[in-house]
Amino acid sequence: MSQQMPTQEQVQEQREKQAEMEEQKKEMLKKICTAEALDRIGRIQVVKPEKAMEIENTLLHMAMSGKLEAQITDEALKKMLAQEANQSTVQMKRRDIMDDDDW
């Protein structure tokens, strides 16, 4: 099986599709979030792009499944982020140096 490299036209077409999908995503977010909430997501994106994408996808999923009753305000977004932070705490258990089996 030989895989062919995509042609320049195919690469350009894929980029256009990706840009169009990104534009649709932004338009939907504008409809379901207030300007302040979008601003907060934008600031998160500067620091943690993957986290911002996760938030955007969560909001879009909630909107598509009908779980949003009104526009997401900055306060509602803060509450959502706080709940998520409380749920995803990581506990690390340190070993006592004298318990190490390598001694």
N, C-alpha and C. Protein backbone atom coordinates (compact mmCIF):
# COMPACT_ATOMS: atom_id res chain seq x y z
N MET A 1 0.84 -1.18 0.00
CA MET A 1 0.00 0.00 0.00
C MET A 1 0.89 1.24 0.00
N SER A 2 0.69 2.06 -0.97
CA SER A 2 1.46 3.30 -1.01
C SER A 2 0.53 4.46 -0.74
N GLN A 3 0.96 5.30 0.17
CA GLN A 3 0.16 6.47 0.49
C GLN A 3 0.69 7.63 -0.31
N GLN A 4 -0.23 8.31 -0.96
CA GLN A 4 0.17 9.47 -1.74
C GLN A 4 0.11 10.70 -0.88
N MET A 5 1.00 11.60 -1.13
CA MET A 5 0.98 12.88 -0.45
C MET A 5 -0.20 13.68 -0.98
N PRO A 6 -0.89 14.39 -0.11
CA PRO A 6 -2.01 15.19 -0.61
C PRO A 6 -1.51 16.30 -1.53
N THR A 7 -2.30 16.57 -2.54
CA THR A 7 -1.93 17.62 -3.48
C THR A 7 -2.14 18.98 -2.81
N GLN A 8 -1.59 19.99 -3.43
CA GLN A 8 -1.70 21.33 -2.88
C GLN A 8 -3.17 21.76 -2.84
N GLU A 9 -3.94 21.35 -3.84
CA GLU A 9 -5.36 21.69 -3.86
C GLU A 9 -6.10 21.03 -2.71
N GLN A 10 -5.75 19.77 -2.42
CA GLN A 10 -6.40 19.06 -1.33
C GLN A 10 -6.06 19.70 0.01
N VAL A 11 -4.82 20.10 0.18
CA VAL A 11 -4.39 20.74 1.42
C VAL A 11 -5.13 22.07 1.57
N GLN A 12 -5.22 22.84 0.49
CA GLN A 12 -5.92 24.13 0.53
C GLN A 12 -7.40 23.92 0.84
N GLU A 13 -8.00 22.92 0.24
CA GLU A 13 -9.42 22.62 0.48
C GLU A 13 -9.65 22.23 1.93
N GLN A 14 -8.74 21.44 2.48
CA GLN A 14 -8.86 21.03 3.88
C GLN A 14 -8.73 22.24 4.81
N ARG A 15 -7.81 23.13 4.50
CA ARG A 15 -7.65 24.34 5.31
C ARG A 15 -8.91 25.21 5.25
N GLU A 16 -9.49 25.33 4.07
CA GLU A 16 -10.71 26.12 3.92
C GLU A 16 -11.86 25.52 4.73
N LYS A 17 -11.99 24.20 4.69
CA LYS A 17 -13.04 23.53 5.47
C LYS A 17 -12.82 23.76 6.96
N GLN A 18 -11.58 23.65 7.37
CA GLN A 18 -11.25 23.85 8.79
C GLN A 18 -11.55 25.29 9.21
N ALA A 19 -11.21 26.25 8.37
CA ALA A 19 -11.48 27.65 8.67
C ALA A 19 -12.98 27.92 8.72
N GLU A 20 -13.72 27.29 7.83
CA GLU A 20 -15.18 27.45 7.81
C GLU A 20 -15.81 26.86 9.07
N MET A 21 -15.34 25.70 9.48
CA MET A 21 -15.86 25.08 10.70
C MET A 21 -15.53 25.94 11.92
N GLU A 22 -14.34 26.51 11.95
CA GLU A 22 -13.93 27.37 13.07
C GLU A 22 -14.81 28.62 13.11
N GLU A 23 -15.13 29.15 11.93
CA GLU A 23 -15.99 30.33 11.85
C GLU A 23 -17.40 30.02 12.36
N GLN A 24 -17.93 28.85 11.98
CA GLN A 24 -19.26 28.43 12.45
C GLN A 24 -19.25 28.28 13.97
N LYS A 25 -18.18 27.71 14.49
CA LYS A 25 -18.05 27.53 15.94
C LYS A 25 -18.07 28.88 16.65
N LYS A 26 -17.31 29.84 16.12
CA LYS A 26 -17.26 31.18 16.72
C LYS A 26 -18.62 31.85 16.68
N GLU A 27 -19.34 31.69 15.57
CA GLU A 27 -20.67 32.29 15.44
C GLU A 27 -21.64 31.70 16.46
N MET A 28 -21.58 30.38 16.65
CA MET A 28 -22.46 29.75 17.63
C MET A 28 -22.12 30.23 19.04
N LEU A 29 -20.82 30.36 19.34
CA LEU A 29 -20.42 30.83 20.65
C LEU A 29 -20.89 32.26 20.90
N LYS A 30 -20.90 33.09 19.85
CA LYS A 30 -21.39 34.46 19.98
C LYS A 30 -22.87 34.47 20.34
N LYS A 31 -23.60 33.47 19.86
CA LYS A 31 -25.04 33.40 20.14
C LYS A 31 -25.32 32.92 21.55
N ILE A 32 -24.47 32.02 22.07
CA ILE A 32 -24.79 31.42 23.37
C ILE A 32 -24.04 32.06 24.54
N CYS A 33 -23.06 32.94 24.26
CA CYS A 33 -22.29 33.58 25.33
C CYS A 33 -22.38 35.09 25.23
N THR A 34 -22.31 35.75 26.37
CA THR A 34 -22.24 37.21 26.38
C THR A 34 -20.83 37.63 25.97
N ALA A 35 -20.66 38.90 25.68
CA ALA A 35 -19.34 39.41 25.28
C ALA A 35 -18.31 39.21 26.38
N GLU A 36 -18.74 39.38 27.64
CA GLU A 36 -17.81 39.20 28.75
C GLU A 36 -17.35 37.75 28.87
N ALA A 37 -18.27 36.82 28.66
CA ALA A 37 -17.90 35.40 28.74
C ALA A 37 -16.95 35.04 27.60
N LEU A 38 -17.22 35.57 26.41
CA LEU A 38 -16.32 35.32 25.28
C LEU A 38 -14.93 35.92 25.54
N ASP A 39 -14.92 37.07 26.17
CA ASP A 39 -13.65 37.70 26.52
C ASP A 39 -12.86 36.83 27.50
N ARG A 40 -13.55 36.26 28.48
CA ARG A 40 -12.89 35.38 29.45
C ARG A 40 -12.33 34.14 28.74
N ILE A 41 -13.11 33.56 27.85
CA ILE A 41 -12.64 32.39 27.10
C ILE A 41 -11.39 32.77 26.28
N GLY A 42 -11.42 33.96 25.71
CA GLY A 42 -10.26 34.42 24.93
C GLY A 42 -9.02 34.57 25.79
N ARG A 43 -9.18 35.06 27.01
CA ARG A 43 -8.03 35.19 27.91
C ARG A 43 -7.51 33.82 28.33
N ILE A 44 -8.43 32.88 28.53
CA ILE A 44 -8.00 31.51 28.87
C ILE A 44 -7.23 30.91 27.70
N GLN A 45 -7.70 31.21 26.48
CA GLN A 45 -7.06 30.65 25.28
C GLN A 45 -5.61 31.12 25.14
N VAL A 46 -5.31 32.32 25.60
CA VAL A 46 -3.94 32.82 25.53
C VAL A 46 -3.03 31.98 26.42
N VAL A 47 -3.54 31.60 27.59
CA VAL A 47 -2.73 30.87 28.56
C VAL A 47 -2.77 29.37 28.32
N LYS A 48 -3.98 28.84 28.12
CA LYS A 48 -4.16 27.40 27.93
C LYS A 48 -5.11 27.15 26.76
N PRO A 49 -4.58 27.08 25.54
CA PRO A 49 -5.44 26.90 24.36
C PRO A 49 -6.28 25.63 24.41
N GLU A 50 -5.71 24.54 24.95
CA GLU A 50 -6.47 23.29 25.00
C GLU A 50 -7.63 23.39 25.99
N LYS A 51 -7.44 24.12 27.06
CA LYS A 51 -8.51 24.32 28.05
C LYS A 51 -9.64 25.16 27.45
N ALA A 52 -9.27 26.20 26.71
CA ALA A 52 -10.28 27.04 26.06
C ALA A 52 -11.09 26.23 25.06
N MET A 53 -10.41 25.36 24.31
CA MET A 53 -11.12 24.53 23.34
C MET A 53 -12.08 23.58 24.05
N GLU A 54 -11.65 23.05 25.17
CA GLU A 54 -12.50 22.16 25.96
C GLU A 54 -13.75 22.90 26.46
N ILE A 55 -13.56 24.13 26.93
CA ILE A 55 -14.68 24.94 27.40
C ILE A 55 -15.64 25.23 26.26
N GLU A 56 -15.09 25.64 25.12
CA GLU A 56 -15.93 25.94 23.95
C GLU A 56 -16.73 24.71 23.54
N ASN A 57 -16.07 23.56 23.47
CA ASN A 57 -16.76 22.34 23.08
C ASN A 57 -17.85 21.96 24.07
N THR A 58 -17.58 22.15 25.35
CA THR A 58 -18.58 21.86 26.38
C THR A 58 -19.80 22.76 26.22
N LEU A 59 -19.55 24.06 26.01
CA LEU A 59 -20.67 24.99 25.84
C LEU A 59 -21.48 24.67 24.59
N LEU A 60 -20.80 24.35 23.50
CA LEU A 60 -21.51 24.00 22.27
C LEU A 60 -22.33 22.73 22.45
N HIS A 61 -21.76 21.76 23.14
CA HIS A 61 -22.48 20.51 23.39
C HIS A 61 -23.73 20.77 24.24
N MET A 62 -23.57 21.62 25.27
CA MET A 62 -24.71 21.95 26.12
C MET A 62 -25.79 22.66 25.31
N ALA A 63 -25.38 23.55 24.42
CA ALA A 63 -26.35 24.29 23.60
C ALA A 63 -27.08 23.34 22.65
N MET A 64 -26.35 22.42 22.04
CA MET A 64 -26.97 21.49 21.08
C MET A 64 -27.91 20.51 21.75
N SER A 65 -27.61 20.16 23.01
CA SER A 65 -28.46 19.20 23.71
C SER A 65 -29.60 19.89 24.45
N GLY A 66 -29.68 21.22 24.34
CA GLY A 66 -30.78 21.96 24.95
C GLY A 66 -30.65 22.19 26.44
N LYS A 67 -29.45 22.09 26.97
CA LYS A 67 -29.25 22.26 28.41
C LYS A 67 -29.05 23.72 28.82
N LEU A 68 -28.94 24.61 27.85
CA LEU A 68 -28.77 26.03 28.16
C LEU A 68 -30.12 26.72 28.12
N GLU A 69 -30.46 27.40 29.20
CA GLU A 69 -31.74 28.08 29.27
C GLU A 69 -31.62 29.52 28.79
N ALA A 70 -30.44 30.12 28.96
CA ALA A 70 -30.20 31.50 28.56
C ALA A 70 -28.75 31.63 28.14
N GLN A 71 -28.38 32.85 27.72
CA GLN A 71 -26.99 33.07 27.35
C GLN A 71 -26.08 32.86 28.54
N ILE A 72 -24.89 32.34 28.26
CA ILE A 72 -23.89 32.15 29.31
C ILE A 72 -23.26 33.50 29.62
N THR A 73 -23.41 33.94 30.85
CA THR A 73 -22.79 35.18 31.29
C THR A 73 -21.41 34.89 31.85
N ASP A 74 -20.67 35.93 32.11
CA ASP A 74 -19.35 35.78 32.70
C ASP A 74 -19.44 35.09 34.06
N GLU A 75 -20.44 35.48 34.84
CA GLU A 75 -20.64 34.86 36.17
C GLU A 75 -20.96 33.38 36.04
N ALA A 76 -21.82 33.02 35.09
CA ALA A 76 -22.17 31.61 34.90
C ALA A 76 -20.94 30.82 34.45
N LEU A 77 -20.13 31.43 33.61
CA LEU A 77 -18.91 30.76 33.14
C LEU A 77 -17.94 30.56 34.31
N LYS A 78 -17.81 31.56 35.17
CA LYS A 78 -16.95 31.44 36.36
C LYS A 78 -17.42 30.29 37.24
N LYS A 79 -18.74 30.20 37.45
CA LYS A 79 -19.28 29.12 38.28
C LYS A 79 -18.99 27.76 37.66
N MET A 80 -19.15 27.67 36.34
CA MET A 80 -18.89 26.43 35.64
C MET A 80 -17.42 26.03 35.78
N LEU A 81 -16.53 27.00 35.65
CA LEU A 81 -15.09 26.73 35.78
C LEU A 81 -14.73 26.34 37.21
N ALA A 82 -15.37 26.98 38.19
CA ALA A 82 -15.11 26.64 39.60
C ALA A 82 -15.57 25.23 39.91
N GLN A 83 -16.74 24.85 39.40
CA GLN A 83 -17.24 23.49 39.63
C GLN A 83 -16.29 22.48 39.00
N GLU A 84 -15.82 22.77 37.81
CA GLU A 84 -14.90 21.87 37.12
C GLU A 84 -13.59 21.75 37.89
N ALA A 85 -13.12 22.87 38.43
CA ALA A 85 -11.87 22.85 39.20
C ALA A 85 -12.04 22.02 40.47
N ASN A 86 -13.21 22.10 41.10
CA ASN A 86 -13.46 21.31 42.31
C ASN A 86 -13.52 19.82 42.00
N GLN A 87 -14.02 19.47 40.83
CA GLN A 87 -14.16 18.06 40.48
C GLN A 87 -12.84 17.43 40.07
N SER A 88 -11.93 18.23 39.56
CA SER A 88 -10.71 17.64 39.01
C SER A 88 -9.49 17.93 39.87
N THR A 89 -9.63 17.72 41.17
CA THR A 89 -8.46 17.91 42.03
C THR A 89 -7.60 16.65 42.00
N VAL A 90 -6.33 16.85 42.07
CA VAL A 90 -5.38 15.74 42.04
C VAL A 90 -4.71 15.66 43.40
N GLN A 91 -4.73 14.48 43.96
CA GLN A 91 -4.07 14.29 45.24
C GLN A 91 -2.80 13.49 45.01
N MET A 92 -1.74 13.98 45.60
CA MET A 92 -0.47 13.28 45.50
C MET A 92 -0.09 12.81 46.90
N LYS A 93 0.29 11.59 46.99
CA LYS A 93 0.70 11.04 48.27
C LYS A 93 2.22 10.91 48.26
N ARG A 94 2.84 11.60 49.18
CA ARG A 94 4.30 11.55 49.27
C ARG A 94 4.72 10.40 50.16
N ARG A 95 5.79 9.78 49.74
CA ARG A 95 6.34 8.71 50.57
C ARG A 95 7.36 9.30 51.52
N ASP A 96 7.43 8.71 52.67
CA ASP A 96 8.46 9.10 53.61
C ASP A 96 9.78 8.53 53.10
N ILE A 97 10.84 9.28 53.19
CA ILE A 97 12.12 8.85 52.65
C ILE A 97 12.59 7.55 53.32
N MET A 98 12.20 7.33 54.54
CA MET A 98 12.63 6.12 55.25
C MET A 98 11.80 4.90 54.84
N ASP A 99 10.69 5.13 54.11
CA ASP A 99 9.89 4.01 53.64
C ASP A 99 10.36 3.47 52.32
N ASP A 100 11.37 4.06 51.74
CA ASP A 100 11.85 3.66 50.43
C ASP A 100 12.48 2.26 50.52
N ASP A 101 12.11 1.39 49.64
CA ASP A 101 12.60 0.02 49.64
C ASP A 101 14.03 -0.10 49.10
N ASP A 102 14.53 0.97 48.52
CA ASP A 102 15.89 0.92 47.94
C ASP A 102 16.97 0.98 49.01
N TRP A 103 16.64 1.25 50.25
CA TRP A 103 17.65 1.39 51.28
C TRP A 103 18.19 0.07 51.66
